[in-house]
Amino acid sequence: MTLVNDIFSLKGRTAVVTGAASGLGREFAYALASAGADVALIDINADGLNETAQRIRGVGRLAFPYTADVSDEAQVAATFQDLLMTVGRLDILINNAGVADLSQRKIHEYSATDWRRMIDINLNSVFYCSREALKLMNSQKSGKIINIASIWGLVGGGFITAAAYTTTKGAVVNLTREMALEYAPHGIQINAICPGFHRTALGDFDDPDLAKLIISHTPASRIACAEELRGTIIYLASSASDFMCGSIIVVDGGFLAQ
C-alpha cells in the first residue's frame, strides 16, 4: 500500500475550496483533509463554514474558514492575501462555488439582473480565485486547480435547466482548457470535473417527478451521492494526475455516453 499512499497523499499541502459550507464543497474539503491536506474554506454561509471546519479538524487537519463572496473581486483578493500571510503557500484550488437554475426559463424570459448574477457567481468567481491562486502557484512553479463545471457545460440542458447555467458551465470548461495551456509549462495542472446528478442542495431531488425524470435519463438508473466525487477530487489534487492538463472528467452515470 506504500505506493498507493505516496501517489494519493496530500500531506504537507494546503488547499482552498470555495462553496465549502455545504454540498459538494464540504465533501471535497473533507476528502482533501482525509488525504492529508490542510484546507482553507470560503463561503458566504458562516455557520456552514464552521461545520465544515469542525469536520476537517476532526480528521486532524488544519481548517481556515473565510466568510467571503467569491463573486466579489475585492473580497477574493483580500481573502487570498490573508491566506498567504497565514499559511505562506497554496498547492490546490477547488473552484466549486456556484448556483443552479432549474427554472427552465427561455432567453427572452431572462432579466439582465439574473443573467449577471449567474455569470458573477458561476464564472467570474472562477476567474477571480484562479487569478489569485496562480500568482502564488506561478512563483512556486507547482499547483493544482480543479474547476467544478457540469455535464451541462458540455451539452444543452433544455429538459431540466436554463440557458444561463449551461452558458456559465460551458465557459468554465473552456476557461479550464485555456488556463491549462498557459500554465502547464510552469508545473501547474488545471483540470475540470463535470458532475452529473449528485444529491446536493442545488436541486430538489426529493421531488418524485424530478427524480423520475433524472433517473430516466441516467443509464446507471439512480442519482449519485455527493460522496461519490471524493475519489475524483483526490486523484486530480494528487501526484497521480501530474501529467493531466486541461482534461475534463465526466462523472455522470453514463448520461453523456448516450
C-alpha atoms as a PDB file:
ATOM      1  CA  MET A   1       0.000   0.000   0.000  1.00  0.00           C
ATOM      2  CA  THR A   2       3.020   2.311   0.231  1.00  0.00           C
ATOM      3  CA  LEU A   3       2.958   3.170  -3.477  1.00  0.00           C
ATOM      4  CA  VAL A   4      -0.760   3.973  -3.406  1.00  0.00           C
ATOM      5  CA  ASN A   5      -0.378   6.056  -0.278  1.00  0.00           C
ATOM      6  CA  ASP A   6       2.524   8.005  -1.779  1.00  0.00           C
ATOM      7  CA  ILE A   7       0.714   8.709  -5.052  1.00  0.00           C
ATOM      8  CA  PHE A   8      -2.505   9.937  -3.491  1.00  0.00           C
ATOM      9  CA  SER A   9      -1.174  11.540  -0.312  1.00  0.00           C
ATOM     10  CA  LEU A  10      -1.731  15.268   0.160  1.00  0.00           C
ATOM     11  CA  LYS A  11       0.349  15.575   3.330  1.00  0.00           C
ATOM     12  CA  GLY A  12       2.094  18.903   3.663  1.00  0.00           C
ATOM     13  CA  ARG A  13      -0.165  20.610   1.142  1.00  0.00           C
ATOM     14  CA  THR A  14      -2.620  23.452   1.563  1.00  0.00           C
ATOM     15  CA  ALA A  15      -5.880  23.574  -0.371  1.00  0.00           C
ATOM     16  CA  VAL A  16      -8.620  26.141  -0.909  1.00  0.00           C
ATOM     17  CA  VAL A  17     -12.215  25.072  -1.505  1.00  0.00           C
ATOM     18  CA  THR A  18     -14.866  27.615  -2.488  1.00  0.00           C
ATOM     19  CA  GLY A  19     -18.513  26.978  -1.708  1.00  0.00           C
ATOM     20  CA  ALA A  20     -17.279  24.864   1.189  1.00  0.00           C
ATOM     21  CA  ALA A  21     -20.191  25.377   3.593  1.00  0.00           C
ATOM     22  CA  SER A  22     -22.287  22.519   2.204  1.00  0.00           C
ATOM     23  CA  GLY A  23     -22.869  20.061  -0.619  1.00  0.00           C
ATOM     24  CA  LEU A  24     -20.023  19.116  -2.926  1.00  0.00           C
ATOM     25  CA  GLY A  25     -17.752  21.752  -1.404  1.00  0.00           C
ATOM     26  CA  ARG A  26     -17.983  20.173   2.028  1.00  0.00           C
ATOM     27  CA  GLU A  27     -17.326  16.732   0.565  1.00  0.00           C
ATOM     28  CA  PHE A  28     -14.322  17.993  -1.387  1.00  0.00           C
ATOM     29  CA  ALA A  29     -12.856  19.677   1.688  1.00  0.00           C
ATOM     30  CA  TYR A  30     -13.323  16.525   3.768  1.00  0.00           C
ATOM     31  CA  ALA A  31     -11.750  14.350   1.075  1.00  0.00           C
ATOM     32  CA  LEU A  32      -8.692  16.585   0.785  1.00  0.00           C
ATOM     33  CA  ALA A  33      -8.265  16.700   4.553  1.00  0.00           C
ATOM     34  CA  SER A  34      -8.634  12.927   4.805  1.00  0.00           C
ATOM     35  CA  ALA A  35      -5.785  12.623   2.290  1.00  0.00           C
ATOM     36  CA  GLY A  36      -3.616  14.853   4.500  1.00  0.00           C
ATOM     37  CA  ALA A  37      -4.163  18.439   3.319  1.00  0.00           C
ATOM     38  CA  ASP A  38      -4.875  21.485   5.429  1.00  0.00           C
ATOM     39  CA  VAL A  39      -7.855  23.315   3.960  1.00  0.00           C
ATOM     40  CA  ALA A  40      -8.955  26.935   3.633  1.00  0.00           C
ATOM     41  CA  LEU A  41     -12.729  27.153   3.296  1.00  0.00           C
ATOM     42  CA  ILE A  42     -14.533  30.005   1.536  1.00  0.00           C
ATOM     43  CA  ASP A  43     -18.289  30.624   1.520  1.00  0.00           C
ATOM     44  CA  ILE A  44     -20.860  33.278   2.375  1.00  0.00           C
ATOM     45  CA  ASN A  45     -22.502  30.907   4.877  1.00  0.00           C
ATOM     46  CA  ALA A  46     -20.547  31.360   8.115  1.00  0.00           C
ATOM     47  CA  ASP A  47     -22.451  28.710  10.085  1.00  0.00           C
ATOM     48  CA  GLY A  48     -21.962  26.127   7.359  1.00  0.00           C
ATOM     49  CA  LEU A  49     -18.282  27.009   7.117  1.00  0.00           C
ATOM     50  CA  ASN A  50     -17.792  26.384  10.816  1.00  0.00           C
ATOM     51  CA  GLU A  51     -19.479  22.988  10.499  1.00  0.00           C
ATOM     52  CA  THR A  52     -17.171  22.050   7.652  1.00  0.00           C
ATOM     53  CA  ALA A  53     -14.154  23.336   9.607  1.00  0.00           C
ATOM     54  CA  GLN A  54     -15.083  21.127  12.558  1.00  0.00           C
ATOM     55  CA  ARG A  55     -15.222  18.136  10.249  1.00  0.00           C
ATOM     56  CA  ILE A  56     -11.769  18.956   8.861  1.00  0.00           C
ATOM     57  CA  ARG A  57     -10.299  19.301  12.320  1.00  0.00           C
ATOM     58  CA  GLY A  58     -11.939  16.005  13.232  1.00  0.00           C
ATOM     59  CA  VAL A  59      -9.533  14.186  10.919  1.00  0.00           C
ATOM     60  CA  GLY A  60      -6.556  16.013  12.420  1.00  0.00           C
ATOM     61  CA  ARG A  61      -6.017  18.689   9.781  1.00  0.00           C
ATOM     62  CA  LEU A  62      -5.979  22.483   9.988  1.00  0.00           C
ATOM     63  CA  ALA A  63      -9.023  24.398   8.757  1.00  0.00           C
ATOM     64  CA  PHE A  64      -9.086  28.102   7.853  1.00  0.00           C
ATOM     65  CA  PRO A  65     -12.665  29.348   7.342  1.00  0.00           C
ATOM     66  CA  TYR A  66     -13.187  32.594   5.410  1.00  0.00           C
ATOM     67  CA  THR A  67     -16.607  34.177   5.120  1.00  0.00           C
ATOM     68  CA  ALA A  68     -16.447  35.869   1.732  1.00  0.00           C
ATOM     69  CA  ASP A  69     -18.365  36.311  -1.507  1.00  0.00           C
ATOM     70  CA  VAL A  70     -16.267  34.817  -4.306  1.00  0.00           C
ATOM     71  CA  SER A  71     -18.187  36.820  -6.907  1.00  0.00           C
ATOM     72  CA  ASP A  72     -16.717  39.989  -5.347  1.00  0.00           C
ATOM     73  CA  GLU A  73     -13.265  40.693  -6.767  1.00  0.00           C
ATOM     74  CA  ALA A  74     -12.085  42.734  -3.779  1.00  0.00           C
ATOM     75  CA  GLN A  75     -13.193  40.136  -1.236  1.00  0.00           C
ATOM     76  CA  VAL A  76     -11.417  37.387  -3.142  1.00  0.00           C
ATOM     77  CA  ALA A  77      -8.176  39.380  -3.285  1.00  0.00           C
ATOM     78  CA  ALA A  78      -8.334  40.149   0.439  1.00  0.00           C
ATOM     79  CA  THR A  79      -9.059  36.519   1.336  1.00  0.00           C
ATOM     80  CA  PHE A  80      -6.116  35.162  -0.647  1.00  0.00           C
ATOM     81  CA  GLN A  81      -3.826  37.855   0.723  1.00  0.00           C
ATOM     82  CA  ASP A  82      -4.737  36.841   4.261  1.00  0.00           C
ATOM     83  CA  LEU A  83      -4.301  33.181   3.369  1.00  0.00           C
ATOM     84  CA  LEU A  84      -0.815  33.837   2.023  1.00  0.00           C
ATOM     85  CA  MET A  85       0.150  35.660   5.217  1.00  0.00           C
ATOM     86  CA  THR A  86      -1.327  32.879   7.371  1.00  0.00           C
ATOM     87  CA  VAL A  87      -0.138  29.785   5.514  1.00  0.00           C
ATOM     88  CA  GLY A  88       2.552  31.005   3.141  1.00  0.00           C
ATOM     89  CA  ARG A  89       1.759  28.746   0.205  1.00  0.00           C
ATOM     90  CA  LEU A  90      -1.091  27.296  -1.824  1.00  0.00           C
ATOM     91  CA  ASP A  91      -0.991  23.924  -3.536  1.00  0.00           C
ATOM     92  CA  ILE A  92      -4.576  23.172  -4.531  1.00  0.00           C
ATOM     93  CA  LEU A  93      -7.587  25.285  -5.505  1.00  0.00           C
ATOM     94  CA  ILE A  94     -11.059  23.810  -5.955  1.00  0.00           C
ATOM     95  CA  ASN A  95     -13.354  26.292  -7.712  1.00  0.00           C
ATOM     96  CA  ASN A  96     -16.622  24.790  -6.569  1.00  0.00           C
ATOM     97  CA  ALA A  97     -18.876  27.728  -5.621  1.00  0.00           C
ATOM     98  CA  GLY A  98     -21.916  28.061  -7.839  1.00  0.00           C
ATOM     99  CA  VAL A  99     -25.667  28.384  -8.096  1.00  0.00           C
ATOM    100  CA  ALA A 100     -28.144  26.373 -10.144  1.00  0.00           C
ATOM    101  CA  ASP A 101     -31.160  27.456 -12.151  1.00  0.00           C
ATOM    102  CA  LEU A 102     -33.872  24.838 -12.627  1.00  0.00           C
ATOM    103  CA  SER A 103     -36.456  27.372 -13.774  1.00  0.00           C
ATOM    104  CA  GLN A 104     -36.253  26.351 -17.462  1.00  0.00           C
ATOM    105  CA  ARG A 105     -36.635  29.982 -18.471  1.00  0.00           C
ATOM    106  CA  LYS A 106     -36.008  30.776 -22.102  1.00  0.00           C
ATOM    107  CA  ILE A 107     -33.589  33.509 -23.125  1.00  0.00           C
ATOM    108  CA  HIS A 108     -36.333  36.056 -23.790  1.00  0.00           C
ATOM    109  CA  GLU A 109     -37.659  35.491 -20.264  1.00  0.00           C
ATOM    110  CA  TYR A 110     -34.361  36.231 -18.538  1.00  0.00           C
ATOM    111  CA  SER A 111     -33.748  39.506 -16.744  1.00  0.00           C
ATOM    112  CA  ALA A 112     -30.324  41.078 -17.116  1.00  0.00           C
ATOM    113  CA  THR A 113     -30.013  41.040 -13.321  1.00  0.00           C
ATOM    114  CA  ASP A 114     -30.477  37.260 -13.109  1.00  0.00           C
ATOM    115  CA  TRP A 115     -28.152  36.702 -16.056  1.00  0.00           C
ATOM    116  CA  ARG A 116     -25.367  38.783 -14.500  1.00  0.00           C
ATOM    117  CA  ARG A 117     -25.802  37.079 -11.124  1.00  0.00           C
ATOM    118  CA  MET A 118     -25.319  33.656 -12.700  1.00  0.00           C
ATOM    119  CA  ILE A 119     -22.205  34.816 -14.556  1.00  0.00           C
ATOM    120  CA  ASP A 120     -20.779  36.555 -11.487  1.00  0.00           C
ATOM    121  CA  ILE A 121     -21.128  33.516  -9.235  1.00  0.00           C
ATOM    122  CA  ASN A 122     -20.516  30.629 -11.625  1.00  0.00           C
ATOM    123  CA  LEU A 123     -17.905  32.119 -13.940  1.00  0.00           C
ATOM    124  CA  ASN A 124     -16.343  35.321 -12.648  1.00  0.00           C
ATOM    125  CA  SER A 125     -15.605  33.702  -9.290  1.00  0.00           C
ATOM    126  CA  VAL A 126     -13.540  31.054 -11.062  1.00  0.00           C
ATOM    127  CA  PHE A 127     -11.509  33.779 -12.758  1.00  0.00           C
ATOM    128  CA  TYR A 128     -11.046  35.831  -9.575  1.00  0.00           C
ATOM    129  CA  CYS A 129      -9.983  32.880  -7.423  1.00  0.00           C
ATOM    130  CA  SER A 130      -7.807  31.294 -10.102  1.00  0.00           C
ATOM    131  CA  ARG A 131      -6.035  34.582 -10.768  1.00  0.00           C
ATOM    132  CA  GLU A 132      -5.106  35.000  -7.107  1.00  0.00           C
ATOM    133  CA  ALA A 133      -4.093  31.366  -6.726  1.00  0.00           C
ATOM    134  CA  LEU A 134      -1.982  31.431  -9.874  1.00  0.00           C
ATOM    135  CA  LYS A 135       0.020  34.379  -8.582  1.00  0.00           C
ATOM    136  CA  LEU A 136       1.208  32.090  -5.784  1.00  0.00           C
ATOM    137  CA  MET A 137       1.434  28.885  -7.799  1.00  0.00           C
ATOM    138  CA  ASN A 138       3.367  30.531 -10.610  1.00  0.00           C
ATOM    139  CA  SER A 139       6.056  31.680  -8.198  1.00  0.00           C
ATOM    140  CA  GLN A 140       6.172  28.179  -6.669  1.00  0.00           C
ATOM    141  CA  LYS A 141       6.218  26.504 -10.109  1.00  0.00           C
ATOM    142  CA  SER A 142       3.686  23.993  -8.831  1.00  0.00           C
ATOM    143  CA  GLY A 143      -0.001  23.695  -8.093  1.00  0.00           C
ATOM    144  CA  LYS A 144      -3.331  22.116  -8.949  1.00  0.00           C
ATOM    145  CA  ILE A 145      -6.550  23.879  -9.906  1.00  0.00           C
ATOM    146  CA  ILE A 146      -9.751  21.874 -10.238  1.00  0.00           C
ATOM    147  CA  ASN A 147     -12.803  23.625 -11.627  1.00  0.00           C
ATOM    148  CA  ILE A 148     -16.235  22.187 -10.976  1.00  0.00           C
ATOM    149  CA  ALA A 149     -18.245  22.523 -14.167  1.00  0.00           C
ATOM    150  CA  SER A 150     -21.201  20.292 -15.080  1.00  0.00           C
ATOM    151  CA  ILE A 151     -22.475  17.905 -17.721  1.00  0.00           C
ATOM    152  CA  TRP A 152     -24.450  20.989 -18.816  1.00  0.00           C
ATOM    153  CA  GLY A 153     -21.161  22.591 -19.724  1.00  0.00           C
ATOM    154  CA  LEU A 154     -20.798  20.010 -22.499  1.00  0.00           C
ATOM    155  CA  VAL A 155     -24.370  19.739 -23.788  1.00  0.00           C
ATOM    156  CA  GLY A 156     -27.511  21.861 -23.744  1.00  0.00           C
ATOM    157  CA  GLY A 157     -29.723  21.449 -20.705  1.00  0.00           C
ATOM    158  CA  GLY A 158     -33.103  22.223 -22.203  1.00  0.00           C
ATOM    159  CA  PHE A 159     -35.040  19.495 -20.428  1.00  0.00           C
ATOM    160  CA  ILE A 160     -34.060  20.470 -16.895  1.00  0.00           C
ATOM    161  CA  THR A 161     -32.055  23.699 -16.580  1.00  0.00           C
ATOM    162  CA  ALA A 162     -31.889  27.188 -18.052  1.00  0.00           C
ATOM    163  CA  ALA A 163     -29.547  28.787 -20.562  1.00  0.00           C
ATOM    164  CA  ALA A 164     -27.622  30.992 -18.144  1.00  0.00           C
ATOM    165  CA  TYR A 165     -26.449  27.983 -16.148  1.00  0.00           C
ATOM    166  CA  THR A 166     -25.335  25.979 -19.177  1.00  0.00           C
ATOM    167  CA  THR A 167     -23.618  29.065 -20.585  1.00  0.00           C
ATOM    168  CA  THR A 168     -21.552  29.609 -17.436  1.00  0.00           C
ATOM    169  CA  LYS A 169     -20.586  25.964 -17.116  1.00  0.00           C
ATOM    170  CA  GLY A 170     -19.581  25.788 -20.755  1.00  0.00           C
ATOM    171  CA  ALA A 171     -17.402  28.832 -20.192  1.00  0.00           C
ATOM    172  CA  VAL A 172     -15.801  27.178 -17.154  1.00  0.00           C
ATOM    173  CA  VAL A 173     -14.918  24.171 -19.311  1.00  0.00           C
ATOM    174  CA  ASN A 174     -13.132  26.310 -21.883  1.00  0.00           C
ATOM    175  CA  LEU A 175     -11.533  28.557 -19.264  1.00  0.00           C
ATOM    176  CA  THR A 176     -10.089  25.361 -17.773  1.00  0.00           C
ATOM    177  CA  ARG A 177      -8.554  24.421 -21.108  1.00  0.00           C
ATOM    178  CA  GLU A 178      -7.119  27.894 -21.697  1.00  0.00           C
ATOM    179  CA  MET A 179      -5.578  28.142 -18.236  1.00  0.00           C
ATOM    180  CA  ALA A 180      -4.178  24.626 -18.551  1.00  0.00           C
ATOM    181  CA  LEU A 181      -2.361  25.547 -21.758  1.00  0.00           C
ATOM    182  CA  GLU A 182      -0.923  28.705 -20.230  1.00  0.00           C
ATOM    183  CA  TYR A 183       0.362  27.133 -17.028  1.00  0.00           C
ATOM    184  CA  ALA A 184       1.288  23.551 -17.957  1.00  0.00           C
ATOM    185  CA  PRO A 185       4.857  24.698 -18.769  1.00  0.00           C
ATOM    186  CA  HIS A 186       5.120  26.100 -15.235  1.00  0.00           C
ATOM    187  CA  GLY A 187       4.396  22.882 -13.332  1.00  0.00           C
ATOM    188  CA  ILE A 188       0.723  23.708 -12.702  1.00  0.00           C
ATOM    189  CA  GLN A 189      -2.025  21.287 -13.675  1.00  0.00           C
ATOM    190  CA  ILE A 190      -5.521  22.656 -14.294  1.00  0.00           C
ATOM    191  CA  ASN A 191      -8.446  20.326 -14.955  1.00  0.00           C
ATOM    192  CA  ALA A 192     -12.211  20.201 -14.506  1.00  0.00           C
ATOM    193  CA  ILE A 193     -14.879  17.832 -13.277  1.00  0.00           C
ATOM    194  CA  CYS A 194     -18.286  17.723 -14.928  1.00  0.00           C
ATOM    195  CA  PRO A 195     -20.608  16.025 -12.443  1.00  0.00           C
ATOM    196  CA  GLY A 196     -23.918  14.563 -13.456  1.00  0.00           C
ATOM    197  CA  PHE A 197     -26.782  14.333 -10.998  1.00  0.00           C
ATOM    198  CA  HIS A 198     -25.470  14.239  -7.422  1.00  0.00           C
ATOM    199  CA  ARG A 199     -27.610  14.897  -4.371  1.00  0.00           C
ATOM    200  CA  THR A 200     -26.920  18.425  -3.102  1.00  0.00           C
ATOM    201  CA  ALA A 201     -28.977  21.444  -2.062  1.00  0.00           C
ATOM    202  CA  LEU A 202     -28.788  22.776  -5.631  1.00  0.00           C
ATOM    203  CA  GLY A 203     -31.677  20.560  -6.686  1.00  0.00           C
ATOM    204  CA  ASP A 204     -34.901  19.268  -5.117  1.00  0.00           C
ATOM    205  CA  PHE A 205     -34.059  15.605  -5.540  1.00  0.00           C
ATOM    206  CA  ASP A 206     -36.812  14.618  -3.104  1.00  0.00           C
ATOM    207  CA  ASP A 207     -39.350  15.757  -5.685  1.00  0.00           C
ATOM    208  CA  PRO A 208     -40.574  12.426  -7.103  1.00  0.00           C
ATOM    209  CA  ASP A 209     -41.287  13.874 -10.532  1.00  0.00           C
ATOM    210  CA  LEU A 210     -37.824  15.427 -10.798  1.00  0.00           C
ATOM    211  CA  ALA A 211     -36.160  12.263  -9.510  1.00  0.00           C
ATOM    212  CA  LYS A 212     -38.066  10.135 -12.021  1.00  0.00           C
ATOM    213  CA  LEU A 213     -37.065  12.464 -14.864  1.00  0.00           C
ATOM    214  CA  ILE A 214     -33.384  12.392 -13.889  1.00  0.00           C
ATOM    215  CA  ILE A 215     -33.264   8.626 -13.415  1.00  0.00           C
ATOM    216  CA  SER A 216     -34.951   8.064 -16.764  1.00  0.00           C
ATOM    217  CA  HIS A 217     -32.093   9.956 -18.461  1.00  0.00           C
ATOM    218  CA  THR A 218     -29.287   8.290 -16.469  1.00  0.00           C
ATOM    219  CA  PRO A 219     -28.108   4.853 -17.622  1.00  0.00           C
ATOM    220  CA  ALA A 220     -26.958   3.997 -14.090  1.00  0.00           C
ATOM    221  CA  SER A 221     -30.635   4.413 -13.100  1.00  0.00           C
ATOM    222  CA  ARG A 222     -30.003   6.395  -9.948  1.00  0.00           C
ATOM    223  CA  ILE A 223     -28.976   9.753  -8.536  1.00  0.00           C
ATOM    224  CA  ALA A 224     -25.452   9.736  -7.105  1.00  0.00           C
ATOM    225  CA  CYS A 225     -24.448  10.785  -3.610  1.00  0.00           C
ATOM    226  CA  ALA A 226     -22.133  13.766  -3.207  1.00  0.00           C
ATOM    227  CA  GLU A 227     -19.581  11.484  -1.555  1.00  0.00           C
ATOM    228  CA  GLU A 228     -19.057   9.661  -4.845  1.00  0.00           C
ATOM    229  CA  LEU A 229     -16.892  12.520  -6.125  1.00  0.00           C
ATOM    230  CA  ARG A 230     -14.332  12.228  -3.326  1.00  0.00           C
ATOM    231  CA  GLY A 231     -12.084   9.871  -5.259  1.00  0.00           C
ATOM    232  CA  THR A 232     -12.083  12.065  -8.359  1.00  0.00           C
ATOM    233  CA  ILE A 233     -11.109  15.160  -6.413  1.00  0.00           C
ATOM    234  CA  ILE A 234      -8.263  13.381  -4.603  1.00  0.00           C
ATOM    235  CA  TYR A 235      -6.985  11.999  -7.901  1.00  0.00           C
ATOM    236  CA  LEU A 236      -6.862  15.429  -9.556  1.00  0.00           C
ATOM    237  CA  ALA A 237      -5.363  17.069  -6.453  1.00  0.00           C
ATOM    238  CA  SER A 238      -2.605  14.494  -6.008  1.00  0.00           C
ATOM    239  CA  SER A 239       0.559  13.489  -7.850  1.00  0.00           C
ATOM    240  CA  ALA A 240      -1.446  10.749  -9.553  1.00  0.00           C
ATOM    241  CA  SER A 241      -2.568  13.352 -12.102  1.00  0.00           C
ATOM    242  CA  ASP A 242       0.698  15.212 -12.626  1.00  0.00           C
ATOM    243  CA  PHE A 243       0.590  14.729 -16.410  1.00  0.00           C
ATOM    244  CA  MET A 244      -3.056  15.764 -16.791  1.00  0.00           C
ATOM    245  CA  CYS A 245      -3.539  19.266 -18.173  1.00  0.00           C
ATOM    246  CA  GLY A 246      -6.826  20.593 -19.493  1.00  0.00           C
ATOM    247  CA  SER A 247      -8.724  17.346 -19.000  1.00  0.00           C
ATOM    248  CA  ILE A 248     -12.479  17.387 -18.473  1.00  0.00           C
ATOM    249  CA  ILE A 249     -13.567  14.428 -16.362  1.00  0.00           C
ATOM    250  CA  VAL A 250     -17.240  13.490 -16.573  1.00  0.00           C
ATOM    251  CA  VAL A 251     -18.823  11.669 -13.619  1.00  0.00           C
ATOM    252  CA  ASP A 252     -22.437  11.195 -14.659  1.00  0.00           C
ATOM    253  CA  GLY A 253     -23.595   7.582 -14.504  1.00  0.00           C
ATOM    254  CA  GLY A 254     -23.366   7.298 -18.287  1.00  0.00           C
ATOM    255  CA  PHE A 255     -25.515  10.317 -19.167  1.00  0.00           C
ATOM    256  CA  LEU A 256     -23.202  11.769 -21.811  1.00  0.00           C
ATOM    257  CA  ALA A 257     -22.353   8.357 -23.281  1.00  0.00           C
ATOM    258  CA  GLN A 258     -25.836   8.108 -24.791  1.00  0.00           C
END
